[in-house]
N, C-alpha and C. Protein backbone atom coordinates (compact mmCIF):
# COMPACT_ATOMS: atom_id res chain seq x y z
N LYS A 1 -5.84 -26.12 -7.14
CA LYS A 1 -5.05 -26.59 -6.01
C LYS A 1 -4.28 -27.82 -6.46
N HIS A 2 -3.00 -27.83 -6.16
CA HIS A 2 -2.18 -29.01 -6.46
C HIS A 2 -2.46 -30.07 -5.40
N ILE A 3 -2.70 -31.28 -5.82
CA ILE A 3 -2.99 -32.39 -4.91
C ILE A 3 -1.68 -33.15 -4.68
N GLU A 4 -1.28 -33.25 -3.43
CA GLU A 4 -0.06 -33.96 -3.07
C GLU A 4 -0.28 -35.47 -3.13
N ASN A 5 0.80 -36.23 -3.15
CA ASN A 5 0.71 -37.69 -3.14
C ASN A 5 -0.10 -38.17 -1.95
N GLY A 6 -1.02 -39.06 -2.19
CA GLY A 6 -1.85 -39.62 -1.11
C GLY A 6 -3.09 -38.81 -0.82
N GLU A 7 -3.20 -37.59 -1.34
CA GLU A 7 -4.38 -36.77 -1.12
C GLU A 7 -5.38 -37.01 -2.25
N ALA A 8 -6.60 -36.61 -2.02
CA ALA A 8 -7.63 -36.75 -3.05
C ALA A 8 -8.62 -35.61 -2.89
N TYR A 9 -9.40 -35.40 -3.91
CA TYR A 9 -10.49 -34.43 -3.83
C TYR A 9 -11.77 -35.12 -4.22
N GLY A 10 -12.87 -34.59 -3.75
CA GLY A 10 -14.16 -35.18 -4.05
C GLY A 10 -14.78 -34.57 -5.30
N ILE A 11 -15.75 -35.26 -5.82
CA ILE A 11 -16.54 -34.75 -6.95
C ILE A 11 -17.95 -34.55 -6.42
N PRO A 12 -18.37 -33.30 -6.24
CA PRO A 12 -19.70 -33.05 -5.68
C PRO A 12 -20.81 -33.57 -6.58
N TYR A 13 -21.86 -34.06 -5.96
CA TYR A 13 -23.02 -34.54 -6.70
C TYR A 13 -23.55 -33.48 -7.66
N GLY A 14 -23.52 -32.22 -7.25
CA GLY A 14 -24.06 -31.14 -8.06
C GLY A 14 -23.39 -30.99 -9.42
N THR A 15 -22.17 -31.51 -9.58
CA THR A 15 -21.51 -31.42 -10.88
C THR A 15 -22.17 -32.33 -11.91
N MET A 16 -23.03 -33.23 -11.46
CA MET A 16 -23.68 -34.18 -12.36
C MET A 16 -25.13 -33.81 -12.66
N VAL A 17 -25.57 -32.67 -12.13
CA VAL A 17 -26.99 -32.28 -12.28
C VAL A 17 -27.09 -30.97 -13.07
N PRO A 18 -27.66 -31.01 -14.26
CA PRO A 18 -27.83 -29.77 -15.03
C PRO A 18 -28.71 -28.77 -14.29
N GLU A 19 -28.36 -27.50 -14.42
CA GLU A 19 -29.13 -26.45 -13.73
C GLU A 19 -30.53 -26.27 -14.28
N SER A 20 -30.70 -26.43 -15.58
CA SER A 20 -31.98 -26.05 -16.18
C SER A 20 -32.69 -27.18 -16.93
N VAL A 21 -32.26 -28.42 -16.71
CA VAL A 21 -32.91 -29.55 -17.36
C VAL A 21 -33.40 -30.52 -16.28
N ASP A 22 -34.67 -30.84 -16.30
CA ASP A 22 -35.23 -31.76 -15.31
C ASP A 22 -35.00 -33.21 -15.72
N GLY A 23 -34.90 -34.09 -14.72
CA GLY A 23 -34.89 -35.52 -14.96
C GLY A 23 -33.59 -36.07 -15.54
N VAL A 24 -32.49 -35.33 -15.42
CA VAL A 24 -31.24 -35.77 -16.01
C VAL A 24 -30.12 -35.76 -14.97
N ILE A 25 -29.33 -36.83 -14.96
CA ILE A 25 -28.09 -36.90 -14.18
C ILE A 25 -26.99 -37.23 -15.17
N VAL A 26 -25.97 -36.40 -15.21
CA VAL A 26 -24.89 -36.55 -16.18
C VAL A 26 -23.66 -37.08 -15.45
N ALA A 27 -23.35 -38.35 -15.66
CA ALA A 27 -22.21 -38.95 -14.97
C ALA A 27 -21.09 -39.24 -15.95
N GLY A 28 -19.91 -39.38 -15.42
CA GLY A 28 -18.77 -39.76 -16.25
C GLY A 28 -18.07 -38.56 -16.84
N ARG A 29 -17.58 -38.72 -18.04
CA ARG A 29 -16.73 -37.70 -18.67
C ARG A 29 -17.47 -36.41 -19.01
N SER A 30 -18.76 -36.40 -18.91
CA SER A 30 -19.54 -35.21 -19.26
C SER A 30 -19.79 -34.29 -18.07
N LEU A 31 -19.25 -34.60 -16.90
CA LEU A 31 -19.53 -33.77 -15.73
C LEU A 31 -19.01 -32.36 -15.93
N SER A 32 -19.53 -31.44 -15.16
CA SER A 32 -19.11 -30.06 -15.21
C SER A 32 -17.92 -29.88 -14.28
N SER A 33 -16.76 -29.53 -14.85
CA SER A 33 -15.57 -29.31 -14.03
C SER A 33 -14.64 -28.33 -14.71
N GLU A 34 -13.73 -27.79 -13.91
CA GLU A 34 -12.70 -26.92 -14.47
C GLU A 34 -11.62 -27.78 -15.11
N ARG A 35 -10.87 -27.19 -15.98
CA ARG A 35 -9.85 -27.91 -16.74
C ARG A 35 -8.87 -28.65 -15.83
N PHE A 36 -8.44 -28.02 -14.74
CA PHE A 36 -7.46 -28.63 -13.86
C PHE A 36 -7.97 -29.95 -13.27
N ALA A 37 -9.20 -29.94 -12.80
CA ALA A 37 -9.77 -31.15 -12.20
C ALA A 37 -10.24 -32.15 -13.23
N ASN A 38 -10.50 -31.69 -14.42
CA ASN A 38 -11.08 -32.54 -15.45
C ASN A 38 -10.20 -33.75 -15.79
N GLY A 39 -8.88 -33.56 -15.81
CA GLY A 39 -7.99 -34.65 -16.20
C GLY A 39 -8.13 -35.89 -15.34
N SER A 40 -8.10 -35.72 -14.03
CA SER A 40 -8.21 -36.91 -13.17
C SER A 40 -9.64 -37.38 -12.98
N ALA A 41 -10.61 -36.48 -13.13
CA ALA A 41 -12.01 -36.89 -12.98
C ALA A 41 -12.47 -37.75 -14.15
N ARG A 42 -11.72 -37.74 -15.24
CA ARG A 42 -12.10 -38.50 -16.43
C ARG A 42 -11.47 -39.89 -16.46
N CYS A 43 -10.80 -40.30 -15.38
CA CYS A 43 -10.20 -41.64 -15.30
C CYS A 43 -11.28 -42.65 -14.92
N GLN A 44 -10.99 -43.93 -15.11
CA GLN A 44 -12.00 -44.97 -14.93
C GLN A 44 -12.54 -45.09 -13.50
N ALA A 45 -11.69 -44.99 -12.48
CA ALA A 45 -12.19 -45.16 -11.11
C ALA A 45 -13.19 -44.07 -10.72
N PRO A 46 -12.89 -42.79 -10.94
CA PRO A 46 -13.90 -41.77 -10.62
C PRO A 46 -15.17 -41.92 -11.46
N ILE A 47 -15.01 -42.33 -12.72
CA ILE A 47 -16.19 -42.52 -13.57
C ILE A 47 -17.08 -43.64 -13.01
N MET A 48 -16.47 -44.71 -12.52
CA MET A 48 -17.23 -45.80 -11.92
C MET A 48 -17.97 -45.30 -10.68
N ALA A 49 -17.28 -44.52 -9.85
CA ALA A 49 -17.91 -44.01 -8.63
C ALA A 49 -19.06 -43.07 -8.97
N MET A 50 -18.87 -42.22 -9.99
CA MET A 50 -19.95 -41.32 -10.41
C MET A 50 -21.14 -42.11 -10.95
N GLY A 51 -20.87 -43.17 -11.68
CA GLY A 51 -21.95 -44.00 -12.20
C GLY A 51 -22.77 -44.63 -11.10
N GLN A 52 -22.10 -45.13 -10.07
CA GLN A 52 -22.82 -45.72 -8.95
C GLN A 52 -23.64 -44.66 -8.22
N ALA A 53 -23.05 -43.48 -8.04
CA ALA A 53 -23.78 -42.39 -7.38
C ALA A 53 -24.98 -41.95 -8.23
N ALA A 54 -24.80 -41.86 -9.53
CA ALA A 54 -25.89 -41.46 -10.41
C ALA A 54 -27.02 -42.48 -10.39
N GLY A 55 -26.67 -43.75 -10.42
CA GLY A 55 -27.70 -44.80 -10.38
C GLY A 55 -28.46 -44.81 -9.07
N THR A 56 -27.73 -44.62 -7.97
CA THR A 56 -28.38 -44.57 -6.66
C THR A 56 -29.28 -43.34 -6.55
N ALA A 57 -28.80 -42.21 -7.06
CA ALA A 57 -29.62 -40.99 -7.05
C ALA A 57 -30.87 -41.18 -7.91
N ALA A 58 -30.72 -41.83 -9.05
CA ALA A 58 -31.88 -42.09 -9.91
C ALA A 58 -32.91 -42.96 -9.20
N ALA A 59 -32.43 -43.94 -8.45
CA ALA A 59 -33.36 -44.79 -7.69
C ALA A 59 -34.11 -43.97 -6.65
N LEU A 60 -33.40 -43.05 -5.98
CA LEU A 60 -34.07 -42.17 -5.02
C LEU A 60 -35.12 -41.30 -5.71
N CYS A 61 -34.80 -40.82 -6.90
CA CYS A 61 -35.76 -40.00 -7.66
C CYS A 61 -37.02 -40.77 -7.97
N VAL A 62 -36.87 -42.01 -8.41
CA VAL A 62 -38.03 -42.83 -8.76
C VAL A 62 -38.84 -43.17 -7.51
N GLU A 63 -38.13 -43.55 -6.45
CA GLU A 63 -38.81 -43.97 -5.22
C GLU A 63 -39.57 -42.83 -4.55
N HIS A 64 -39.00 -41.63 -4.56
CA HIS A 64 -39.58 -40.52 -3.80
C HIS A 64 -40.14 -39.39 -4.67
N GLY A 65 -40.03 -39.52 -5.98
CA GLY A 65 -40.56 -38.49 -6.86
C GLY A 65 -39.71 -37.22 -6.89
N PHE A 66 -38.42 -37.33 -6.56
CA PHE A 66 -37.53 -36.18 -6.59
C PHE A 66 -37.11 -35.84 -8.00
N GLN A 67 -36.77 -34.59 -8.25
CA GLN A 67 -35.97 -34.22 -9.39
C GLN A 67 -34.51 -34.44 -8.96
N PRO A 68 -33.62 -34.76 -9.87
CA PRO A 68 -32.23 -35.00 -9.48
C PRO A 68 -31.61 -33.88 -8.65
N ARG A 69 -31.94 -32.63 -8.94
CA ARG A 69 -31.36 -31.53 -8.18
C ARG A 69 -31.88 -31.47 -6.75
N ASP A 70 -32.98 -32.18 -6.45
CA ASP A 70 -33.58 -32.16 -5.12
C ASP A 70 -33.22 -33.38 -4.26
N VAL A 71 -32.37 -34.25 -4.78
CA VAL A 71 -31.98 -35.45 -4.02
C VAL A 71 -31.25 -35.01 -2.75
N PRO A 72 -31.66 -35.50 -1.58
CA PRO A 72 -30.95 -35.17 -0.34
C PRO A 72 -29.55 -35.83 -0.36
N VAL A 73 -28.53 -35.00 -0.48
CA VAL A 73 -27.17 -35.52 -0.66
C VAL A 73 -26.74 -36.36 0.54
N GLY A 74 -27.15 -35.99 1.74
CA GLY A 74 -26.80 -36.79 2.92
C GLY A 74 -27.37 -38.20 2.83
N GLN A 75 -28.60 -38.31 2.39
CA GLN A 75 -29.23 -39.63 2.21
C GLN A 75 -28.52 -40.42 1.12
N LEU A 76 -28.17 -39.74 0.04
CA LEU A 76 -27.44 -40.39 -1.05
C LEU A 76 -26.09 -40.92 -0.56
N ARG A 77 -25.35 -40.09 0.17
CA ARG A 77 -24.06 -40.54 0.73
C ARG A 77 -24.25 -41.75 1.64
N GLY A 78 -25.28 -41.70 2.48
CA GLY A 78 -25.54 -42.82 3.39
C GLY A 78 -25.81 -44.11 2.64
N MET A 79 -26.59 -44.03 1.58
CA MET A 79 -26.88 -45.22 0.79
C MET A 79 -25.62 -45.74 0.10
N LEU A 80 -24.80 -44.83 -0.40
CA LEU A 80 -23.56 -45.25 -1.05
C LEU A 80 -22.60 -45.90 -0.06
N ARG A 81 -22.48 -45.32 1.12
CA ARG A 81 -21.62 -45.92 2.15
C ARG A 81 -22.13 -47.30 2.55
N ALA A 82 -23.45 -47.43 2.68
CA ALA A 82 -24.02 -48.74 3.04
C ALA A 82 -23.73 -49.79 1.97
N ALA A 83 -23.61 -49.34 0.72
CA ALA A 83 -23.29 -50.25 -0.38
C ALA A 83 -21.78 -50.43 -0.56
N LYS A 84 -21.01 -49.83 0.38
CA LYS A 84 -19.55 -49.88 0.35
C LYS A 84 -18.97 -49.24 -0.90
N ALA A 85 -19.64 -48.18 -1.35
CA ALA A 85 -19.16 -47.42 -2.51
C ALA A 85 -18.04 -46.48 -2.08
N VAL A 86 -17.29 -46.02 -3.05
CA VAL A 86 -16.27 -45.00 -2.81
C VAL A 86 -17.00 -43.68 -2.71
N VAL A 87 -16.92 -43.05 -1.54
CA VAL A 87 -17.61 -41.76 -1.32
C VAL A 87 -16.60 -40.70 -0.99
């Protein structure tokens, strides 16, 4: 999809979680994406946002004993919004 000026797309949390490896969150340039989206997802601002989301998700994993793929995304979004993160 072509993104018009002023529009944006999100990067789902699931793109940072490997399907078959436990205990890993992959943030930044290593995320799973299609070629079209990959170009803008590899810029510094999205990488910073992914890093904050990954760190917050990791904290939830430690606190509640979750595997990264089991993190409640709604709770993660709420924590990021409370921290005034880009969501």
